[in-house]
Amino acid sequence: MSRKTNKICKQSGVIPYRVRDGKIEILLITTRKCQSWVIPKGGVCKGMTLPDSAAKEAWEEAGVVGQVNTEKIGVYQYCKGGNIYRVGLFLLPVEQVLENWTEATQRERIWLDINHAAMIVKENSLKRILQTSQNQVKI
C-alpha cells in the first residue's frame, strides 16, 4: 500500500521589528483562534514576489507597514490540516503601526524582546531563526 504524501504549501512571512532604547523588539500576533503566538505569514499571492507577499501579510494580519528586506533570513516548516507549510522569512523594520487593520478583530499583537519572542513561539525552527535574526538587524 502506498503512503499518502502531504502537500507542501509555499508561504512567505516577516519578522516585524523595531528598536526601542537600543533594544530590538519583535512583533508577534496570535493565530485567529488565539491558540498561539506566531509571526505574520501566508500563501504567496500570484504575481507577487515573496517579500511583497510577506509585506501584504504583515499589513493584513498585524497592521504594520515598512519596507521588507528582500534577503531571505531563513525558512521554517509547520504542519496544519495534513499539509506541510514551508515559510520563507524576511525582516520587516516597522515604520508604521496601524490602529485599524484587516484582521484587527481576529488577532492580538504584542511587542517582545527577541529572546522572549523565541520562547513563546511554538515551532523550534522559528525559535532558532528568531534568535539568530538579531545578528541581521541594524540598530
N, C-alpha and C. Protein backbone atom coordinates (compact mmCIF):
# COMPACT_ATOMS: atom_id res chain seq x y z
N MET A 1 0.83 -1.17 0.00
CA MET A 1 0.00 0.00 0.00
C MET A 1 0.88 1.25 0.00
N SER A 2 0.51 2.23 -0.78
CA SER A 2 1.32 3.45 -0.80
C SER A 2 0.90 4.39 0.31
N ARG A 3 1.87 5.10 0.79
CA ARG A 3 1.65 6.06 1.87
C ARG A 3 1.23 7.40 1.28
N LYS A 4 0.27 8.05 1.89
CA LYS A 4 -0.20 9.35 1.41
C LYS A 4 0.89 10.39 1.64
N THR A 5 1.18 11.16 0.60
CA THR A 5 2.17 12.22 0.75
C THR A 5 1.44 13.53 1.05
N ASN A 6 1.98 14.27 1.98
CA ASN A 6 1.41 15.56 2.34
C ASN A 6 1.74 16.58 1.27
N LYS A 7 0.82 17.48 1.04
CA LYS A 7 1.04 18.58 0.12
C LYS A 7 1.96 19.60 0.79
N ILE A 8 2.93 20.12 0.05
CA ILE A 8 3.81 21.16 0.58
C ILE A 8 3.34 22.50 0.01
N CYS A 9 2.95 23.40 0.91
CA CYS A 9 2.44 24.71 0.53
C CYS A 9 3.50 25.77 0.79
N LYS A 10 3.72 26.61 -0.19
CA LYS A 10 4.73 27.66 -0.10
C LYS A 10 4.10 28.91 0.52
N GLN A 11 4.76 29.46 1.53
CA GLN A 11 4.31 30.69 2.17
C GLN A 11 5.47 31.65 2.35
N SER A 12 5.13 32.90 2.62
CA SER A 12 6.15 33.88 2.97
C SER A 12 5.68 34.60 4.23
N GLY A 13 6.64 35.05 5.01
CA GLY A 13 6.32 35.73 6.26
C GLY A 13 7.39 36.73 6.63
N VAL A 14 7.06 37.53 7.64
CA VAL A 14 8.02 38.53 8.11
C VAL A 14 8.25 38.41 9.60
N ILE A 15 9.42 38.89 9.99
CA ILE A 15 9.71 39.13 11.39
C ILE A 15 9.68 40.65 11.53
N PRO A 16 8.53 41.18 11.99
CA PRO A 16 8.44 42.63 12.16
C PRO A 16 9.24 43.05 13.40
N TYR A 17 10.04 44.09 13.27
CA TYR A 17 10.83 44.51 14.42
C TYR A 17 10.93 46.02 14.50
N ARG A 18 11.27 46.49 15.69
CA ARG A 18 11.57 47.90 15.92
C ARG A 18 12.69 47.95 16.96
N VAL A 19 13.34 49.08 17.04
CA VAL A 19 14.40 49.27 18.03
C VAL A 19 13.90 50.31 19.02
N ARG A 20 13.85 49.93 20.30
CA ARG A 20 13.43 50.84 21.37
C ARG A 20 14.51 50.86 22.43
N ASP A 21 14.98 52.05 22.77
CA ASP A 21 16.03 52.21 23.78
C ASP A 21 17.22 51.31 23.49
N GLY A 22 17.59 51.21 22.21
CA GLY A 22 18.75 50.42 21.81
C GLY A 22 18.54 48.91 21.82
N LYS A 23 17.30 48.46 22.07
CA LYS A 23 17.00 47.02 22.11
C LYS A 23 16.01 46.66 21.00
N ILE A 24 16.22 45.49 20.41
CA ILE A 24 15.36 45.01 19.34
C ILE A 24 14.11 44.37 19.93
N GLU A 25 12.96 44.77 19.41
CA GLU A 25 11.68 44.17 19.80
C GLU A 25 11.02 43.55 18.56
N ILE A 26 10.45 42.38 18.75
CA ILE A 26 9.78 41.64 17.69
C ILE A 26 8.27 41.71 17.94
N LEU A 27 7.51 41.86 16.87
CA LEU A 27 6.05 41.85 16.99
C LEU A 27 5.53 40.46 16.68
N LEU A 28 4.82 39.88 17.63
CA LEU A 28 4.13 38.62 17.41
C LEU A 28 2.64 38.87 17.40
N ILE A 29 1.91 38.00 16.70
CA ILE A 29 0.46 38.07 16.66
C ILE A 29 -0.10 36.71 17.05
N THR A 30 -1.36 36.69 17.44
CA THR A 30 -1.99 35.41 17.75
C THR A 30 -2.55 34.81 16.47
N THR A 31 -2.73 33.49 16.51
CA THR A 31 -3.48 32.85 15.44
C THR A 31 -4.91 33.34 15.54
N ARG A 32 -5.71 33.10 14.53
CA ARG A 32 -7.09 33.60 14.55
C ARG A 32 -7.89 33.08 15.74
N LYS A 33 -7.60 31.86 16.14
CA LYS A 33 -8.31 31.28 17.29
C LYS A 33 -7.59 31.55 18.60
N CYS A 34 -6.59 32.44 18.56
CA CYS A 34 -5.82 32.85 19.75
C CYS A 34 -5.22 31.68 20.51
N GLN A 35 -4.81 30.65 19.77
CA GLN A 35 -4.23 29.47 20.42
C GLN A 35 -2.74 29.61 20.66
N SER A 36 -2.06 30.39 19.82
CA SER A 36 -0.62 30.53 20.00
C SER A 36 -0.13 31.81 19.34
N TRP A 37 1.12 32.14 19.66
CA TRP A 37 1.77 33.33 19.11
C TRP A 37 2.57 32.95 17.89
N VAL A 38 2.44 33.74 16.82
CA VAL A 38 3.10 33.47 15.54
C VAL A 38 3.60 34.78 14.94
N ILE A 39 4.24 34.67 13.79
CA ILE A 39 4.64 35.84 13.01
C ILE A 39 3.66 35.96 11.84
N PRO A 40 3.51 37.13 11.25
CA PRO A 40 2.64 37.27 10.09
C PRO A 40 3.18 36.46 8.91
N LYS A 41 2.32 35.64 8.33
CA LYS A 41 2.72 34.79 7.21
C LYS A 41 1.47 34.37 6.44
N GLY A 42 1.67 33.90 5.24
CA GLY A 42 0.54 33.42 4.44
C GLY A 42 1.00 32.95 3.09
N GLY A 43 0.04 32.43 2.33
CA GLY A 43 0.32 31.94 0.99
C GLY A 43 0.86 33.05 0.11
N VAL A 44 1.70 32.67 -0.82
CA VAL A 44 2.29 33.64 -1.73
C VAL A 44 1.26 34.01 -2.79
N CYS A 45 0.97 35.28 -2.89
CA CYS A 45 -0.03 35.78 -3.84
C CYS A 45 0.50 35.66 -5.27
N LYS A 46 -0.36 35.22 -6.16
CA LYS A 46 0.02 35.06 -7.57
C LYS A 46 0.49 36.41 -8.13
N GLY A 47 1.63 36.37 -8.80
CA GLY A 47 2.18 37.57 -9.41
C GLY A 47 2.99 38.45 -8.47
N MET A 48 3.11 38.05 -7.20
CA MET A 48 3.88 38.84 -6.23
C MET A 48 5.17 38.12 -5.88
N THR A 49 6.19 38.90 -5.55
CA THR A 49 7.43 38.31 -5.06
C THR A 49 7.20 37.83 -3.62
N LEU A 50 8.07 37.00 -3.12
CA LEU A 50 7.97 36.54 -1.72
C LEU A 50 7.99 37.72 -0.75
N PRO A 51 8.93 38.68 -0.88
CA PRO A 51 8.93 39.81 0.06
C PRO A 51 7.66 40.67 -0.03
N ASP A 52 7.17 40.90 -1.24
CA ASP A 52 5.96 41.71 -1.40
C ASP A 52 4.74 41.01 -0.78
N SER A 53 4.66 39.71 -0.99
CA SER A 53 3.57 38.95 -0.40
C SER A 53 3.67 38.95 1.12
N ALA A 54 4.89 38.86 1.64
CA ALA A 54 5.11 38.91 3.09
C ALA A 54 4.69 40.26 3.66
N ALA A 55 4.98 41.34 2.93
CA ALA A 55 4.58 42.68 3.38
C ALA A 55 3.07 42.80 3.44
N LYS A 56 2.39 42.21 2.47
CA LYS A 56 0.92 42.20 2.44
C LYS A 56 0.37 41.48 3.66
N GLU A 57 0.97 40.36 4.01
CA GLU A 57 0.53 39.60 5.20
C GLU A 57 0.74 40.42 6.48
N ALA A 58 1.86 41.13 6.55
CA ALA A 58 2.14 41.96 7.73
C ALA A 58 1.08 43.03 7.91
N TRP A 59 0.68 43.64 6.80
CA TRP A 59 -0.35 44.67 6.84
C TRP A 59 -1.71 44.07 7.23
N GLU A 60 -2.09 42.95 6.60
CA GLU A 60 -3.39 42.33 6.86
C GLU A 60 -3.49 41.74 8.26
N GLU A 61 -2.49 40.96 8.66
CA GLU A 61 -2.57 40.21 9.91
C GLU A 61 -2.12 40.99 11.14
N ALA A 62 -1.14 41.88 10.98
CA ALA A 62 -0.56 42.56 12.14
C ALA A 62 -0.75 44.07 12.13
N GLY A 63 -1.19 44.62 11.02
CA GLY A 63 -1.38 46.06 10.95
C GLY A 63 -0.10 46.85 11.03
N VAL A 64 0.97 46.33 10.42
CA VAL A 64 2.24 47.04 10.40
C VAL A 64 2.70 47.23 8.96
N VAL A 65 3.41 48.34 8.76
CA VAL A 65 3.87 48.71 7.42
C VAL A 65 5.35 49.07 7.52
N GLY A 66 6.09 48.69 6.49
CA GLY A 66 7.51 49.02 6.40
C GLY A 66 8.07 48.45 5.11
N GLN A 67 9.33 48.67 4.86
CA GLN A 67 9.99 48.15 3.65
C GLN A 67 10.64 46.82 3.99
N VAL A 68 10.10 45.74 3.46
CA VAL A 68 10.63 44.40 3.73
C VAL A 68 12.00 44.25 3.11
N ASN A 69 12.95 43.71 3.91
CA ASN A 69 14.27 43.39 3.40
C ASN A 69 14.13 42.23 2.43
N THR A 70 14.65 42.35 1.23
CA THR A 70 14.45 41.32 0.20
C THR A 70 15.34 40.09 0.38
N GLU A 71 16.27 40.14 1.32
CA GLU A 71 17.13 38.98 1.58
C GLU A 71 16.44 38.05 2.56
N LYS A 72 16.19 36.81 2.12
CA LYS A 72 15.55 35.82 2.98
C LYS A 72 16.48 35.48 4.14
N ILE A 73 15.94 35.49 5.38
CA ILE A 73 16.80 35.19 6.54
C ILE A 73 16.64 33.76 7.04
N GLY A 74 15.71 33.02 6.47
CA GLY A 74 15.52 31.65 6.90
C GLY A 74 14.23 31.07 6.36
N VAL A 75 14.08 29.77 6.58
CA VAL A 75 12.88 29.03 6.18
C VAL A 75 12.53 28.09 7.32
N TYR A 76 11.24 28.04 7.65
CA TYR A 76 10.80 27.06 8.62
C TYR A 76 9.56 26.36 8.12
N GLN A 77 9.25 25.21 8.69
CA GLN A 77 8.10 24.42 8.28
C GLN A 77 7.20 24.15 9.47
N TYR A 78 5.91 24.01 9.17
CA TYR A 78 4.95 23.57 10.17
C TYR A 78 3.87 22.76 9.47
N CYS A 79 3.16 21.95 10.24
CA CYS A 79 2.09 21.12 9.70
C CYS A 79 0.75 21.63 10.19
N LYS A 80 -0.23 21.59 9.30
CA LYS A 80 -1.57 22.02 9.64
C LYS A 80 -2.54 21.36 8.66
N GLY A 81 -3.56 20.74 9.20
CA GLY A 81 -4.58 20.12 8.34
C GLY A 81 -4.04 19.08 7.39
N GLY A 82 -3.01 18.35 7.78
CA GLY A 82 -2.44 17.31 6.93
C GLY A 82 -1.48 17.82 5.87
N ASN A 83 -1.27 19.12 5.82
CA ASN A 83 -0.34 19.70 4.85
C ASN A 83 0.91 20.21 5.55
N ILE A 84 1.97 20.33 4.78
CA ILE A 84 3.21 20.90 5.27
C ILE A 84 3.34 22.30 4.66
N TYR A 85 3.59 23.27 5.51
CA TYR A 85 3.76 24.66 5.05
C TYR A 85 5.21 25.04 5.21
N ARG A 86 5.82 25.51 4.12
CA ARG A 86 7.22 25.94 4.12
C ARG A 86 7.22 27.46 3.97
N VAL A 87 7.72 28.14 5.02
CA VAL A 87 7.64 29.60 5.09
C VAL A 87 9.01 30.24 4.91
N GLY A 88 9.15 31.06 3.87
CA GLY A 88 10.35 31.87 3.67
C GLY A 88 10.20 33.15 4.48
N LEU A 89 11.19 33.47 5.32
CA LEU A 89 11.09 34.60 6.23
C LEU A 89 11.99 35.77 5.83
N PHE A 90 11.44 36.97 6.06
CA PHE A 90 12.14 38.22 5.75
C PHE A 90 12.01 39.16 6.94
N LEU A 91 12.99 40.03 7.09
CA LEU A 91 12.92 41.05 8.14
C LEU A 91 12.08 42.23 7.67
N LEU A 92 11.31 42.79 8.59
CA LEU A 92 10.49 43.97 8.29
C LEU A 92 10.72 45.01 9.37
N PRO A 93 11.55 46.04 9.08
CA PRO A 93 11.66 47.14 10.04
C PRO A 93 10.34 47.93 9.99
N VAL A 94 9.63 47.95 11.09
CA VAL A 94 8.30 48.56 11.13
C VAL A 94 8.42 50.08 11.14
N GLU A 95 7.76 50.71 10.18
CA GLU A 95 7.74 52.16 10.07
C GLU A 95 6.43 52.74 10.60
N GLN A 96 5.37 51.95 10.53
CA GLN A 96 4.06 52.44 10.96
C GLN A 96 3.25 51.29 11.57
N VAL A 97 2.63 51.57 12.72
CA VAL A 97 1.75 50.61 13.38
C VAL A 97 0.33 51.18 13.29
N LEU A 98 -0.53 50.48 12.58
CA LEU A 98 -1.89 50.94 12.35
C LEU A 98 -2.81 50.61 13.53
N GLU A 99 -3.75 51.49 13.81
CA GLU A 99 -4.74 51.24 14.86
C GLU A 99 -5.85 50.33 14.35
N ASN A 100 -6.19 50.49 13.09
CA ASN A 100 -7.22 49.66 12.46
C ASN A 100 -6.60 48.95 11.26
N TRP A 101 -6.80 47.64 11.18
CA TRP A 101 -6.28 46.87 10.06
C TRP A 101 -7.23 45.71 9.78
N THR A 102 -6.99 45.01 8.70
CA THR A 102 -7.90 43.98 8.19
C THR A 102 -8.32 42.96 9.24
N GLU A 103 -7.37 42.40 9.99
CA GLU A 103 -7.69 41.33 10.94
C GLU A 103 -7.61 41.78 12.40
N ALA A 104 -7.84 43.06 12.64
CA ALA A 104 -7.74 43.62 13.99
C ALA A 104 -8.69 42.95 14.98
N THR A 105 -9.85 42.54 14.53
CA THR A 105 -10.82 41.91 15.45
C THR A 105 -10.56 40.42 15.64
N GLN A 106 -9.62 39.86 14.87
CA GLN A 106 -9.35 38.42 14.92
C GLN A 106 -8.04 38.06 15.61
N ARG A 107 -7.19 39.05 15.83
CA ARG A 107 -5.85 38.76 16.35
C ARG A 107 -5.45 39.77 17.42
N GLU A 108 -4.54 39.33 18.27
CA GLU A 108 -3.89 40.22 19.23
C GLU A 108 -2.44 40.36 18.79
N ARG A 109 -1.80 41.40 19.22
CA ARG A 109 -0.39 41.58 18.90
C ARG A 109 0.36 42.05 20.14
N ILE A 110 1.65 41.69 20.16
CA ILE A 110 2.48 42.05 21.31
C ILE A 110 3.92 42.26 20.85
N TRP A 111 4.57 43.30 21.41
CA TRP A 111 5.99 43.55 21.15
C TRP A 111 6.79 42.92 22.28
N LEU A 112 7.81 42.14 21.91
CA LEU A 112 8.65 41.45 22.89
C LEU A 112 10.11 41.52 22.47
N ASP A 113 11.01 41.41 23.47
CA ASP A 113 12.42 41.28 23.10
C ASP A 113 12.60 39.93 22.40
N ILE A 114 13.65 39.81 21.62
CA ILE A 114 13.85 38.63 20.78
C ILE A 114 13.84 37.33 21.59
N ASN A 115 14.53 37.30 22.72
CA ASN A 115 14.59 36.06 23.50
C ASN A 115 13.23 35.64 24.01
N HIS A 116 12.43 36.58 24.49
CA HIS A 116 11.09 36.26 24.98
C HIS A 116 10.21 35.80 23.81
N ALA A 117 10.30 36.47 22.67
CA ALA A 117 9.54 36.07 21.49
C ALA A 117 9.90 34.64 21.08
N ALA A 118 11.19 34.33 21.08
CA ALA A 118 11.63 32.99 20.71
C ALA A 118 11.12 31.94 21.69
N MET A 119 10.97 32.31 22.96
CA MET A 119 10.49 31.35 23.95
C MET A 119 9.02 31.00 23.75
N ILE A 120 8.21 31.95 23.27
CA ILE A 120 6.77 31.67 23.25
C ILE A 120 6.22 31.19 21.90
N VAL A 121 7.02 31.27 20.82
CA VAL A 121 6.54 30.67 19.57
C VAL A 121 6.70 29.16 19.66
N LYS A 122 5.84 28.46 18.94
CA LYS A 122 5.76 27.01 19.07
C LYS A 122 6.81 26.24 18.27
N GLU A 123 7.03 26.65 17.04
CA GLU A 123 7.91 25.90 16.13
C GLU A 123 9.39 26.11 16.48
N ASN A 124 10.11 24.99 16.68
CA ASN A 124 11.52 25.07 17.07
C ASN A 124 12.39 25.76 16.01
N SER A 125 12.11 25.50 14.73
CA SER A 125 12.91 26.13 13.68
C SER A 125 12.67 27.63 13.64
N LEU A 126 11.46 28.09 13.96
CA LEU A 126 11.17 29.53 14.04
C LEU A 126 11.88 30.13 15.25
N LYS A 127 11.94 29.40 16.36
CA LYS A 127 12.66 29.87 17.54
C LYS A 127 14.11 30.18 17.18
N ARG A 128 14.75 29.24 16.46
CA ARG A 128 16.16 29.41 16.07
C ARG A 128 16.35 30.61 15.15
N ILE A 129 15.44 30.78 14.20
CA ILE A 129 15.55 31.92 13.27
C ILE A 129 15.39 33.22 14.04
N LEU A 130 14.45 33.29 14.96
CA LEU A 130 14.27 34.49 15.76
C LEU A 130 15.54 34.82 16.56
N GLN A 131 16.12 33.79 17.17
CA GLN A 131 17.31 34.01 17.98
C GLN A 131 18.49 34.52 17.16
N THR A 132 18.61 34.06 15.93
CA THR A 132 19.74 34.49 15.10
C THR A 132 19.44 35.77 14.32
N SER A 133 18.16 36.17 14.27
CA SER A 133 17.80 37.36 13.49
C SER A 133 18.40 38.64 14.05
N GLN A 134 18.68 38.64 15.36
CA GLN A 134 19.23 39.87 15.94
C GLN A 134 20.59 40.21 15.36
N ASN A 135 21.29 39.23 14.82
CA ASN A 135 22.59 39.47 14.19
C ASN A 135 22.44 40.18 12.85
N GLN A 136 21.22 40.14 12.27
CA GLN A 136 21.00 40.73 10.95
C GLN A 136 20.28 42.08 11.02
N VAL A 137 19.84 42.45 12.21
CA VAL A 137 19.13 43.72 12.39
C VAL A 137 20.13 44.83 12.60
N LYS A 138 19.93 45.93 11.88
CA LYS A 138 20.79 47.10 12.06
C LYS A 138 20.18 48.02 13.10
N ILE A 139 20.91 48.25 14.20
CA ILE A 139 20.40 49.11 15.27
C ILE A 139 20.82 50.55 15.00
